[in-house]
Amino acid sequence: MNIGVFGGSFDPIHRGHLALAQAAADRFSLRQVLFVPANVPPHKQKQPVTAFVHRYAMVVLATQDDKRCVPSLLESGSGGGVAQAANYSIDTVRRVKRTLKKADRLFFLTGIDAFKDIAKWHEAQALLAECEFIVASRPGFSLRDVAESLPEAVRPPAAVTKPFQKQAATGDLVLPGVTLHLLDGVQQNVSATTIRAAAAQGKPLGRWLDPRVAEYVRKMGLYRKGA
């Protein structure tokens, strides 16, 4: 059985997230893609983040039409107003792996913009060794860019990656301790920052969000100035 893990802040979850999950599920025959909103996203500990309950609710609404897409509470935290530690992907992946059989394959889904900083992730080398990565590529990135984003310990020498400069970031990249699958054609021109800015101005969000998510944002007044 093949399982995907898709972590993030999902603030809010948008059509780009869903496109990646569905394309990955189709190509790699994923039985499930676990959408795992982080209670405390490591890269946003000093930034305001919408309350977990709202982000999780939006994930539930957005994934209703595809049974392969499953909302997960793996990083929900303990609540109670107690200061929470950051949710690291390595911990989430290891929790999921404990529920799988040896023959199962685990994939971690992310976009190429996030993957550019993979070397800065918590225990990045261990994370890459724990599962296979599916990375949504987009024009402007070469295979060399992807290879040189890896942690130094598993990064190929510059002399090896130089010929990759003219190769688009597509296909597979398999190295000792690293297996990457690059998906092209699924990156949509949408960002959560743009969506939040539009919502703050009361603009329609249907071009970026599932209608149920757009309605939730409107009803709850999320991202409005002063909210």
Protein backbone atom coordinates (compact mmCIF):
# COMPACT_ATOMS: atom_id res chain seq x y z
CA MET A 1 0.00 0.00 0.00
CA ASN A 2 1.24 3.47 -0.87
CA ILE A 3 0.55 6.35 1.52
CA GLY A 4 1.27 10.06 1.13
CA VAL A 5 1.86 12.62 3.88
CA PHE A 6 1.16 16.25 3.02
CA GLY A 7 2.08 18.61 5.83
CA GLY A 8 1.84 22.37 6.04
CA SER A 9 0.12 25.30 7.67
CA PHE A 10 -2.77 25.21 5.14
CA ASP A 11 -3.60 28.83 5.97
CA PRO A 12 -5.76 28.39 3.94
CA ILE A 13 -5.76 25.15 1.96
CA HIS A 14 -6.14 26.03 -1.74
CA ARG A 15 -6.52 24.48 -5.19
CA GLY A 16 -2.75 24.15 -5.59
CA HIS A 17 -2.57 21.85 -2.57
CA LEU A 18 -5.40 19.70 -3.90
CA ALA A 19 -3.89 19.53 -7.40
CA LEU A 20 -0.59 18.23 -6.01
CA ALA A 21 -2.28 15.63 -3.82
CA GLN A 22 -4.48 14.35 -6.64
CA ALA A 23 -1.67 14.25 -9.20
CA ALA A 24 0.58 12.40 -6.75
CA ALA A 25 -2.21 9.95 -5.87
CA ASP A 26 -2.83 9.24 -9.56
CA ARG A 27 0.81 8.77 -10.53
CA PHE A 28 1.93 6.72 -7.51
CA SER A 29 -1.31 4.88 -6.77
CA LEU A 30 -1.57 6.39 -3.31
CA ARG A 31 -4.30 4.75 -1.26
CA GLN A 32 -4.42 7.82 0.97
CA VAL A 33 -2.91 11.27 1.15
CA LEU A 34 -2.91 12.43 4.77
CA PHE A 35 -3.35 16.20 4.98
CA VAL A 36 -1.58 17.16 8.20
CA PRO A 37 -2.07 20.78 9.29
CA ALA A 38 0.65 21.79 11.74
CA ASN A 39 -0.53 23.19 15.05
CA VAL A 40 2.76 25.09 15.31
CA PRO A 41 4.46 25.34 11.87
CA PRO A 42 8.24 25.42 12.52
CA HIS A 43 8.92 28.12 9.92
CA LYS A 44 6.15 30.39 11.22
CA GLN A 45 6.72 30.37 14.97
CA LYS A 46 7.25 34.14 14.96
CA GLN A 47 4.39 34.88 12.56
CA PRO A 48 0.65 35.02 13.24
CA VAL A 49 -1.10 31.84 12.12
CA THR A 50 -4.83 31.22 12.00
CA ALA A 51 -6.11 29.04 14.85
CA PHE A 52 -5.62 25.33 14.23
CA VAL A 53 -9.35 24.60 14.53
CA HIS A 54 -10.09 26.84 11.53
CA ARG A 55 -7.25 25.48 9.40
CA TYR A 56 -8.27 21.90 10.15
CA ALA A 57 -11.92 22.69 9.38
CA MET A 58 -10.90 24.11 5.99
CA VAL A 59 -8.90 20.98 5.22
CA VAL A 60 -11.94 18.83 6.06
CA LEU A 61 -14.14 20.90 3.75
CA ALA A 62 -11.64 20.95 0.88
CA THR A 63 -11.02 17.20 0.84
CA GLN A 64 -14.62 15.97 0.87
CA ASP A 65 -14.78 15.14 -2.84
CA ASP A 66 -11.78 12.79 -3.02
CA LYS A 67 -11.78 9.79 -0.67
CA ARG A 68 -8.02 9.46 -1.09
CA CYS A 69 -7.51 12.83 0.63
CA VAL A 70 -7.80 12.35 4.40
CA PRO A 71 -7.63 15.13 7.03
CA SER A 72 -5.28 14.22 9.87
CA LEU A 73 -4.91 15.38 13.47
CA LEU A 74 -1.38 14.05 13.80
CA GLU A 75 -0.04 17.55 14.54
CA SER A 76 -3.02 18.97 16.42
CA GLY A 77 -1.15 19.50 19.69
CA SER A 78 -2.52 19.07 23.20
CA GLY A 79 -4.38 22.38 23.41
CA GLY A 80 -5.27 23.77 26.80
CA GLY A 81 -3.49 27.04 26.20
CA VAL A 82 -0.11 25.50 27.01
CA ALA A 83 2.83 26.67 24.90
CA GLN A 84 3.30 24.16 22.13
CA ALA A 85 6.50 22.85 20.59
CA ALA A 86 6.92 23.10 16.83
CA ASN A 87 5.58 20.23 14.73
CA TYR A 88 8.45 18.68 12.80
CA SER A 89 7.90 16.60 9.67
CA ILE A 90 10.38 13.96 10.79
CA ASP A 91 8.25 13.22 13.88
CA THR A 92 5.05 13.04 11.84
CA VAL A 93 6.58 10.70 9.28
CA ARG A 94 7.87 8.39 11.98
CA ARG A 95 4.42 8.27 13.63
CA VAL A 96 2.85 7.28 10.32
CA LYS A 97 5.51 4.67 9.60
CA ARG A 98 4.78 2.93 12.89
CA THR A 99 1.28 2.19 11.56
CA LEU A 100 2.46 0.74 8.25
CA LYS A 101 3.60 -2.67 7.14
CA LYS A 102 7.12 -3.32 5.86
CA ALA A 103 5.89 -3.65 2.29
CA ASP A 104 4.12 -0.27 2.37
CA ARG A 105 5.68 2.78 0.73
CA LEU A 106 5.52 6.22 2.32
CA PHE A 107 5.77 9.43 0.31
CA PHE A 108 6.12 13.00 1.55
CA LEU A 109 4.47 15.67 -0.61
CA THR A 110 5.70 19.24 -0.93
CA GLY A 111 6.12 22.06 -3.42
CA ILE A 112 9.45 22.99 -4.93
CA ASP A 113 9.50 26.40 -3.23
CA ALA A 114 9.37 24.71 0.17
CA PHE A 115 11.84 22.04 -0.94
CA LYS A 116 14.43 24.71 -1.76
CA ASP A 117 14.92 25.06 2.00
CA ILE A 118 14.97 21.32 2.78
CA ALA A 119 18.55 21.53 4.10
CA LYS A 120 17.28 23.86 6.87
CA TRP A 121 14.51 21.48 7.99
CA HIS A 122 14.77 19.69 11.33
CA GLU A 123 16.78 16.47 10.86
CA ALA A 124 16.55 16.91 7.09
CA GLN A 125 18.90 14.07 6.20
CA ALA A 126 17.00 11.63 8.41
CA LEU A 127 13.68 12.77 6.94
CA LEU A 128 14.88 12.17 3.39
CA ALA A 129 16.01 8.68 4.38
CA GLU A 130 12.68 7.83 6.08
CA CYS A 131 10.47 8.19 3.00
CA GLU A 132 10.33 9.08 -0.66
CA PHE A 133 9.61 12.68 -1.64
CA ILE A 134 7.14 13.89 -4.25
CA VAL A 135 7.95 17.47 -5.20
CA ALA A 136 5.67 19.66 -7.32
CA SER A 137 7.99 21.31 -9.82
CA ARG A 138 7.43 24.41 -11.92
CA PRO A 139 9.16 26.25 -14.78
CA GLY A 140 12.35 28.05 -13.88
CA PHE A 141 13.82 25.27 -11.76
CA SER A 142 16.42 22.85 -13.05
CA LEU A 143 17.38 19.41 -11.81
CA ARG A 144 20.62 21.01 -10.60
CA ASP A 145 18.62 23.45 -8.44
CA VAL A 146 16.86 20.51 -6.82
CA ALA A 147 20.07 18.53 -6.23
CA GLU A 148 21.87 21.52 -4.75
CA SER A 149 19.02 22.12 -2.29
CA LEU A 150 19.81 18.84 -0.53
CA PRO A 151 21.67 18.71 2.79
CA GLU A 152 25.42 18.83 2.27
CA ALA A 153 25.95 15.26 3.48
CA VAL A 154 23.84 13.83 0.63
CA ARG A 155 24.34 16.56 -1.97
CA PRO A 156 26.20 15.46 -5.11
CA PRO A 157 29.45 17.30 -5.90
CA ALA A 158 29.11 20.42 -8.03
CA ALA A 159 30.96 18.71 -10.88
CA VAL A 160 28.24 16.07 -10.97
CA THR A 161 25.30 18.48 -10.83
CA LYS A 162 26.64 21.00 -13.34
CA PRO A 163 25.27 19.08 -16.39
CA PHE A 164 21.83 19.11 -14.69
CA GLN A 165 21.60 22.91 -15.08
CA LYS A 166 19.88 22.64 -18.44
CA GLN A 167 17.56 19.82 -17.40
CA ALA A 168 14.07 20.75 -16.23
CA ALA A 169 13.13 19.60 -12.74
CA THR A 170 11.16 16.54 -13.83
CA GLY A 171 11.44 12.79 -13.46
CA ASP A 172 13.21 11.02 -10.60
CA LEU A 173 16.38 11.79 -8.71
CA VAL A 174 17.74 8.80 -6.82
CA LEU A 175 20.83 9.16 -4.65
CA PRO A 176 22.14 7.27 -1.60
CA GLY A 177 19.64 8.08 1.14
CA VAL A 178 17.41 10.20 -1.12
CA THR A 179 14.60 9.37 -3.55
CA LEU A 180 12.85 12.31 -5.18
CA HIS A 181 9.98 12.23 -7.66
CA LEU A 182 9.43 15.53 -9.46
CA LEU A 183 5.95 16.29 -10.75
CA ASP A 184 5.55 18.99 -13.37
CA GLY A 185 2.32 20.54 -14.62
CA VAL A 186 0.62 20.62 -11.20
CA GLN A 187 1.95 23.89 -9.73
CA GLN A 188 -0.86 26.45 -9.85
CA ASN A 189 -0.32 30.19 -9.73
CA VAL A 190 -1.71 30.62 -6.23
CA SER A 191 -0.28 31.41 -2.82
CA ALA A 192 -1.80 31.55 0.63
CA THR A 193 -0.35 35.05 1.06
CA THR A 194 -2.27 36.29 -1.98
CA ILE A 195 -5.46 34.64 -0.76
CA ARG A 196 -5.19 36.16 2.70
CA ALA A 197 -4.60 39.60 1.20
CA ALA A 198 -7.65 39.24 -1.04
CA ALA A 199 -9.78 38.06 1.88
CA ALA A 200 -8.64 41.05 3.95
CA GLN A 201 -10.10 43.29 1.23
CA GLY A 202 -13.33 41.31 1.02
CA LYS A 203 -12.62 40.08 -2.51
CA PRO A 204 -14.12 36.84 -3.92
CA LEU A 205 -11.91 33.80 -3.29
CA GLY A 206 -13.52 31.22 -5.57
CA ARG A 207 -10.70 31.25 -8.12
CA TRP A 208 -8.30 29.91 -5.50
CA LEU A 209 -10.40 27.99 -3.00
CA ASP A 210 -12.93 25.19 -2.97
CA PRO A 211 -16.35 26.89 -2.71
CA ARG A 212 -16.95 25.38 0.73
CA VAL A 213 -13.65 26.76 1.99
CA ALA A 214 -14.34 30.18 0.48
CA GLU A 215 -17.72 30.25 2.23
CA TYR A 216 -16.13 29.18 5.53
CA VAL A 217 -13.59 32.00 5.27
CA ARG A 218 -16.40 34.47 4.61
CA LYS A 219 -18.67 33.25 7.41
CA MET A 220 -15.90 33.12 9.99
CA GLY A 221 -14.42 36.44 8.93
CA LEU A 222 -10.97 34.90 8.56
CA TYR A 223 -8.14 37.11 7.38
CA ARG A 224 -10.21 40.28 7.69
CA LYS A 225 -8.32 43.28 9.02
CA GLY A 226 -8.65 43.44 12.78
CA ALA A 227 -10.03 39.89 12.97
